[in-house]
Amino acid sequence: MTPQDLSVMDLQVNPNASIVMSLAQGTYCDSHKYDPEDPRCAIVSITGHIVKLKIGSSEEKFAKAAIFYKHPIMSTWPKSHAWFCAKLEIVNILVRDYFGGVSNINIDEYFNATLPTY
């Protein structure tokens, strides 16, 4: 991120942010003939606070490695833009994946979930 970005300017005043992802962004809903507004076309909404990562921390090193792996050109962008890495400290997770409203996901359960191995 850069302080020159309008979104970052807003986040410096109010660090609250959200990320919303829908299965409509891929092929799942189309392949099942679900309209993007159909509750079976799942949506997850993650809200929290944007926090700047500490320079030199393991989190920052991991973030930089990930972003430069995916977007190598970014490592050459001007240092004068004061680039920094940040994360979303999650406060709330909502999932709508069927009729009857949203489910509020327990944050502790989310971070301690055991993923299946295949």
N, C-alpha and C. Protein backbone atom coordinates (compact mmCIF):
# COMPACT_ATOMS: atom_id res chain seq x y z
N MET A 1 0.85 -1.16 0.00
CA MET A 1 0.00 0.00 0.00
C MET A 1 0.90 1.23 0.00
N THR A 2 0.33 2.36 -0.41
CA THR A 2 1.06 3.62 -0.39
C THR A 2 0.17 4.71 0.17
N PRO A 3 0.74 5.60 0.99
CA PRO A 3 -0.05 6.70 1.52
C PRO A 3 -0.58 7.63 0.43
N GLN A 4 -0.09 7.49 -0.79
CA GLN A 4 -0.56 8.32 -1.90
C GLN A 4 -1.90 7.83 -2.47
N ASP A 5 -2.30 6.61 -2.11
CA ASP A 5 -3.55 6.04 -2.60
C ASP A 5 -4.73 6.64 -1.84
N LEU A 6 -5.80 6.96 -2.54
CA LEU A 6 -6.97 7.56 -1.89
C LEU A 6 -7.58 6.65 -0.83
N SER A 7 -7.60 5.33 -1.08
CA SER A 7 -8.15 4.40 -0.08
C SER A 7 -7.31 4.41 1.19
N VAL A 8 -6.00 4.49 1.05
CA VAL A 8 -5.12 4.53 2.21
C VAL A 8 -5.32 5.83 2.98
N MET A 9 -5.54 6.92 2.27
CA MET A 9 -5.83 8.19 2.94
C MET A 9 -7.08 8.06 3.80
N ASP A 10 -8.11 7.38 3.27
CA ASP A 10 -9.32 7.14 4.04
C ASP A 10 -9.04 6.24 5.24
N LEU A 11 -8.25 5.19 5.03
CA LEU A 11 -7.94 4.25 6.12
C LEU A 11 -7.13 4.90 7.24
N GLN A 12 -6.36 5.92 6.91
CA GLN A 12 -5.61 6.62 7.96
C GLN A 12 -6.54 7.38 8.89
N VAL A 13 -7.70 7.78 8.40
CA VAL A 13 -8.70 8.46 9.21
C VAL A 13 -9.58 7.45 9.94
N ASN A 14 -9.96 6.38 9.22
CA ASN A 14 -10.82 5.34 9.79
C ASN A 14 -10.33 4.00 9.26
N PRO A 15 -9.63 3.20 10.10
CA PRO A 15 -9.03 1.95 9.62
C PRO A 15 -10.00 0.78 9.43
N ASN A 16 -11.29 1.00 9.64
CA ASN A 16 -12.26 -0.07 9.45
C ASN A 16 -12.37 -0.40 7.97
N ALA A 17 -12.42 -1.70 7.68
CA ALA A 17 -12.50 -2.14 6.28
C ALA A 17 -13.23 -3.47 6.21
N SER A 18 -13.65 -3.80 5.01
CA SER A 18 -14.29 -5.10 4.78
C SER A 18 -13.87 -5.66 3.43
N ILE A 19 -13.92 -6.96 3.36
CA ILE A 19 -13.65 -7.68 2.11
C ILE A 19 -14.85 -8.60 1.90
N VAL A 20 -15.42 -8.55 0.71
CA VAL A 20 -16.57 -9.39 0.39
C VAL A 20 -16.20 -10.23 -0.82
N MET A 21 -16.42 -11.53 -0.71
CA MET A 21 -16.16 -12.45 -1.81
C MET A 21 -17.40 -13.28 -2.06
N SER A 22 -17.66 -13.56 -3.32
CA SER A 22 -18.85 -14.32 -3.70
C SER A 22 -18.46 -15.46 -4.64
N LEU A 23 -19.18 -16.55 -4.54
CA LEU A 23 -18.96 -17.64 -5.51
C LEU A 23 -19.33 -17.20 -6.92
N ALA A 24 -20.05 -16.09 -7.04
CA ALA A 24 -20.39 -15.55 -8.36
C ALA A 24 -19.14 -15.04 -9.08
N GLN A 25 -18.06 -14.82 -8.34
CA GLN A 25 -16.82 -14.35 -8.95
C GLN A 25 -16.14 -15.45 -9.77
N GLY A 26 -16.50 -16.67 -9.52
CA GLY A 26 -15.95 -17.80 -10.29
C GLY A 26 -17.03 -18.41 -11.16
N THR A 27 -16.92 -19.70 -11.41
CA THR A 27 -17.86 -20.38 -12.30
C THR A 27 -18.92 -21.18 -11.55
N TYR A 28 -18.81 -21.28 -10.22
CA TYR A 28 -19.70 -22.14 -9.44
C TYR A 28 -21.18 -21.80 -9.65
N CYS A 29 -21.53 -20.55 -9.47
CA CYS A 29 -22.95 -20.16 -9.56
C CYS A 29 -23.49 -20.35 -10.96
N ASP A 30 -22.73 -19.96 -11.96
CA ASP A 30 -23.15 -20.17 -13.35
C ASP A 30 -23.35 -21.66 -13.64
N SER A 31 -22.42 -22.48 -13.17
CA SER A 31 -22.51 -23.92 -13.48
C SER A 31 -23.70 -24.58 -12.79
N HIS A 32 -24.19 -23.96 -11.69
CA HIS A 32 -25.37 -24.49 -10.99
C HIS A 32 -26.64 -23.72 -11.36
N LYS A 33 -26.49 -22.80 -12.32
CA LYS A 33 -27.63 -21.98 -12.77
C LYS A 33 -28.20 -21.13 -11.63
N TYR A 34 -27.31 -20.64 -10.73
CA TYR A 34 -27.72 -19.76 -9.64
C TYR A 34 -27.49 -18.31 -10.05
N ASP A 35 -28.49 -17.49 -9.87
CA ASP A 35 -28.32 -16.05 -10.04
C ASP A 35 -27.36 -15.56 -8.95
N PRO A 36 -26.53 -14.56 -9.22
CA PRO A 36 -25.61 -14.07 -8.18
C PRO A 36 -26.30 -13.63 -6.89
N GLU A 37 -27.58 -13.29 -6.96
CA GLU A 37 -28.32 -12.89 -5.75
C GLU A 37 -28.98 -14.07 -5.04
N ASP A 38 -28.93 -15.25 -5.64
CA ASP A 38 -29.49 -16.45 -5.03
C ASP A 38 -28.68 -16.77 -3.77
N PRO A 39 -29.33 -16.99 -2.63
CA PRO A 39 -28.59 -17.28 -1.39
C PRO A 39 -27.66 -18.49 -1.48
N ARG A 40 -27.92 -19.41 -2.41
CA ARG A 40 -27.04 -20.57 -2.58
C ARG A 40 -25.74 -20.20 -3.30
N CYS A 41 -25.70 -19.01 -3.86
CA CYS A 41 -24.47 -18.47 -4.45
C CYS A 41 -23.76 -17.74 -3.31
N ALA A 42 -23.00 -18.49 -2.54
CA ALA A 42 -22.48 -18.05 -1.24
C ALA A 42 -21.66 -16.76 -1.30
N ILE A 43 -21.76 -16.01 -0.21
CA ILE A 43 -20.99 -14.78 -0.01
C ILE A 43 -20.38 -14.83 1.38
N VAL A 44 -19.12 -14.43 1.48
CA VAL A 44 -18.48 -14.25 2.77
C VAL A 44 -18.08 -12.78 2.89
N SER A 45 -18.36 -12.20 4.04
CA SER A 45 -18.01 -10.81 4.32
C SER A 45 -17.13 -10.79 5.56
N ILE A 46 -15.91 -10.31 5.40
CA ILE A 46 -14.94 -10.26 6.50
C ILE A 46 -14.68 -8.79 6.81
N THR A 47 -14.91 -8.40 8.07
CA THR A 47 -14.70 -7.02 8.48
C THR A 47 -13.64 -6.96 9.57
N GLY A 48 -13.00 -5.80 9.67
CA GLY A 48 -11.98 -5.62 10.69
C GLY A 48 -11.30 -4.28 10.55
N HIS A 49 -10.05 -4.24 10.99
CA HIS A 49 -9.25 -3.02 11.00
C HIS A 49 -7.96 -3.27 10.22
N ILE A 50 -7.60 -2.33 9.35
CA ILE A 50 -6.35 -2.42 8.62
C ILE A 50 -5.22 -1.96 9.53
N VAL A 51 -4.19 -2.81 9.65
CA VAL A 51 -3.05 -2.54 10.51
C VAL A 51 -1.77 -2.65 9.69
N LYS A 52 -0.93 -1.64 9.77
CA LYS A 52 0.36 -1.64 9.06
C LYS A 52 1.28 -2.66 9.72
N LEU A 53 1.94 -3.48 8.91
CA LEU A 53 2.87 -4.48 9.44
C LEU A 53 4.18 -3.81 9.84
N LYS A 54 4.77 -4.31 10.91
CA LYS A 54 6.04 -3.78 11.40
C LYS A 54 7.15 -4.11 10.40
N ILE A 55 7.90 -3.09 10.04
CA ILE A 55 8.99 -3.26 9.07
C ILE A 55 10.01 -4.26 9.62
N GLY A 56 10.34 -5.24 8.80
CA GLY A 56 11.32 -6.26 9.17
C GLY A 56 10.74 -7.44 9.93
N SER A 57 9.44 -7.37 10.28
CA SER A 57 8.81 -8.48 11.02
C SER A 57 8.65 -9.69 10.10
N SER A 58 8.44 -10.85 10.70
CA SER A 58 8.23 -12.06 9.89
C SER A 58 6.97 -11.93 9.05
N GLU A 59 5.95 -11.26 9.59
CA GLU A 59 4.72 -11.04 8.81
C GLU A 59 5.00 -10.19 7.58
N GLU A 60 5.78 -9.12 7.75
CA GLU A 60 6.08 -8.25 6.62
C GLU A 60 6.91 -9.00 5.58
N LYS A 61 7.89 -9.77 6.03
CA LYS A 61 8.72 -10.54 5.10
C LYS A 61 7.87 -11.52 4.31
N PHE A 62 6.95 -12.20 4.99
CA PHE A 62 6.05 -13.14 4.33
C PHE A 62 5.17 -12.41 3.32
N ALA A 63 4.61 -11.27 3.72
CA ALA A 63 3.72 -10.50 2.84
C ALA A 63 4.47 -10.04 1.59
N LYS A 64 5.67 -9.51 1.78
CA LYS A 64 6.45 -9.05 0.63
C LYS A 64 6.80 -10.21 -0.30
N ALA A 65 7.21 -11.34 0.26
CA ALA A 65 7.55 -12.50 -0.57
C ALA A 65 6.33 -12.94 -1.38
N ALA A 66 5.16 -12.94 -0.76
CA ALA A 66 3.94 -13.37 -1.45
C ALA A 66 3.56 -12.40 -2.56
N ILE A 67 3.59 -11.11 -2.26
CA ILE A 67 3.18 -10.12 -3.27
C ILE A 67 4.17 -10.06 -4.42
N PHE A 68 5.48 -10.15 -4.12
CA PHE A 68 6.48 -10.09 -5.19
C PHE A 68 6.51 -11.38 -6.01
N TYR A 69 6.13 -12.49 -5.41
CA TYR A 69 6.02 -13.74 -6.16
C TYR A 69 4.91 -13.62 -7.20
N LYS A 70 3.78 -13.10 -6.76
CA LYS A 70 2.62 -12.97 -7.65
C LYS A 70 2.77 -11.81 -8.63
N HIS A 71 3.40 -10.72 -8.18
CA HIS A 71 3.53 -9.50 -8.99
C HIS A 71 4.99 -9.01 -8.93
N PRO A 72 5.92 -9.69 -9.61
CA PRO A 72 7.35 -9.35 -9.50
C PRO A 72 7.68 -7.90 -9.84
N ILE A 73 6.94 -7.28 -10.74
CA ILE A 73 7.22 -5.91 -11.14
C ILE A 73 7.14 -4.94 -9.97
N MET A 74 6.34 -5.29 -8.95
CA MET A 74 6.15 -4.38 -7.81
C MET A 74 7.45 -4.12 -7.06
N SER A 75 8.38 -5.07 -7.10
CA SER A 75 9.64 -4.87 -6.38
C SER A 75 10.48 -3.75 -6.98
N THR A 76 10.13 -3.32 -8.19
CA THR A 76 10.88 -2.25 -8.86
C THR A 76 10.18 -0.90 -8.79
N TRP A 77 9.01 -0.86 -8.18
CA TRP A 77 8.27 0.40 -8.13
C TRP A 77 9.01 1.42 -7.26
N PRO A 78 8.81 2.72 -7.50
CA PRO A 78 9.57 3.77 -6.81
C PRO A 78 9.45 3.71 -5.29
N LYS A 79 10.60 3.71 -4.62
CA LYS A 79 10.63 3.71 -3.15
C LYS A 79 10.02 5.01 -2.60
N SER A 80 10.05 6.08 -3.40
CA SER A 80 9.53 7.38 -2.96
C SER A 80 8.02 7.35 -2.68
N HIS A 81 7.35 6.27 -3.08
CA HIS A 81 5.92 6.16 -2.82
C HIS A 81 5.63 5.63 -1.41
N ALA A 82 6.68 5.31 -0.67
CA ALA A 82 6.56 4.87 0.75
C ALA A 82 5.66 3.64 0.89
N TRP A 83 5.91 2.64 0.06
CA TRP A 83 5.12 1.40 0.09
C TRP A 83 5.21 0.73 1.45
N PHE A 84 4.12 0.11 1.87
CA PHE A 84 4.13 -0.67 3.11
C PHE A 84 3.14 -1.81 3.00
N CYS A 85 3.32 -2.81 3.84
CA CYS A 85 2.41 -3.96 3.88
C CYS A 85 1.48 -3.79 5.07
N ALA A 86 0.27 -4.27 4.91
CA ALA A 86 -0.74 -4.18 5.97
C ALA A 86 -1.56 -5.46 5.99
N LYS A 87 -2.33 -5.62 7.04
CA LYS A 87 -3.22 -6.78 7.15
C LYS A 87 -4.56 -6.33 7.69
N LEU A 88 -5.54 -7.18 7.51
CA LEU A 88 -6.86 -6.96 8.08
C LEU A 88 -6.95 -7.76 9.37
N GLU A 89 -7.02 -7.05 10.50
CA GLU A 89 -7.28 -7.74 11.77
C GLU A 89 -8.77 -8.00 11.83
N ILE A 90 -9.13 -9.27 11.70
CA ILE A 90 -10.53 -9.66 11.55
C ILE A 90 -11.30 -9.48 12.85
N VAL A 91 -12.47 -8.85 12.72
CA VAL A 91 -13.37 -8.63 13.85
C VAL A 91 -14.64 -9.47 13.68
N ASN A 92 -15.08 -9.64 12.42
CA ASN A 92 -16.34 -10.32 12.19
C ASN A 92 -16.31 -11.04 10.84
N ILE A 93 -16.92 -12.22 10.81
CA ILE A 93 -17.05 -12.97 9.56
C ILE A 93 -18.52 -13.39 9.42
N LEU A 94 -19.11 -13.00 8.30
CA LEU A 94 -20.49 -13.38 8.01
C LEU A 94 -20.50 -14.22 6.73
N VAL A 95 -21.29 -15.29 6.75
CA VAL A 95 -21.43 -16.16 5.57
C VAL A 95 -22.91 -16.31 5.26
N ARG A 96 -23.24 -16.07 4.00
CA ARG A 96 -24.59 -16.36 3.51
C ARG A 96 -24.42 -17.42 2.45
N ASP A 97 -24.91 -18.63 2.76
CA ASP A 97 -24.75 -19.72 1.81
C ASP A 97 -26.02 -20.53 1.59
N TYR A 98 -27.11 -20.05 2.13
CA TYR A 98 -28.38 -20.72 1.92
C TYR A 98 -29.50 -19.78 2.36
N PHE A 99 -30.72 -20.18 2.20
CA PHE A 99 -31.86 -19.37 2.61
C PHE A 99 -31.91 -19.27 4.13
N GLY A 100 -32.42 -18.18 4.66
CA GLY A 100 -32.58 -18.03 6.10
C GLY A 100 -31.63 -17.05 6.75
N GLY A 101 -30.92 -16.29 5.99
CA GLY A 101 -30.04 -15.27 6.57
C GLY A 101 -28.59 -15.69 6.62
N VAL A 102 -27.81 -14.87 7.32
CA VAL A 102 -26.36 -15.09 7.39
C VAL A 102 -25.98 -15.84 8.65
N SER A 103 -24.81 -16.46 8.61
CA SER A 103 -24.23 -17.11 9.78
C SER A 103 -23.06 -16.27 10.25
N ASN A 104 -23.00 -16.02 11.54
CA ASN A 104 -21.88 -15.29 12.13
C ASN A 104 -20.87 -16.33 12.59
N ILE A 105 -19.68 -16.29 11.99
CA ILE A 105 -18.65 -17.30 12.27
C ILE A 105 -17.82 -16.87 13.46
N ASN A 106 -17.65 -17.75 14.44
CA ASN A 106 -16.83 -17.47 15.61
C ASN A 106 -15.36 -17.32 15.18
N ILE A 107 -14.76 -16.20 15.53
CA ILE A 107 -13.39 -15.89 15.09
C ILE A 107 -12.40 -16.92 15.61
N ASP A 108 -12.51 -17.30 16.87
CA ASP A 108 -11.58 -18.28 17.45
C ASP A 108 -11.70 -19.62 16.73
N GLU A 109 -12.93 -20.05 16.47
CA GLU A 109 -13.13 -21.31 15.75
C GLU A 109 -12.55 -21.21 14.34
N TYR A 110 -12.72 -20.06 13.71
CA TYR A 110 -12.20 -19.86 12.35
C TYR A 110 -10.69 -20.03 12.33
N PHE A 111 -9.98 -19.37 13.25
CA PHE A 111 -8.53 -19.43 13.24
C PHE A 111 -7.99 -20.77 13.75
N ASN A 112 -8.79 -21.53 14.46
CA ASN A 112 -8.34 -22.82 15.00
C ASN A 112 -8.93 -24.01 14.26
N ALA A 113 -9.55 -23.77 13.12
CA ALA A 113 -10.17 -24.84 12.36
C ALA A 113 -9.11 -25.82 11.85
N THR A 114 -9.47 -27.09 11.84
CA THR A 114 -8.62 -28.12 11.28
C THR A 114 -9.12 -28.40 9.87
N LEU A 115 -8.26 -28.19 8.91
CA LEU A 115 -8.63 -28.40 7.52
C LEU A 115 -8.46 -29.87 7.16
N PRO A 116 -9.38 -30.37 6.35
CA PRO A 116 -9.22 -31.78 5.92
C PRO A 116 -8.03 -31.94 4.99
N THR A 117 -7.45 -33.11 5.02
CA THR A 117 -6.36 -33.41 4.08
C THR A 117 -6.93 -34.35 3.02
N TYR A 118 -6.50 -34.15 1.81
CA TYR A 118 -7.01 -34.97 0.69
C TYR A 118 -5.89 -35.75 0.07
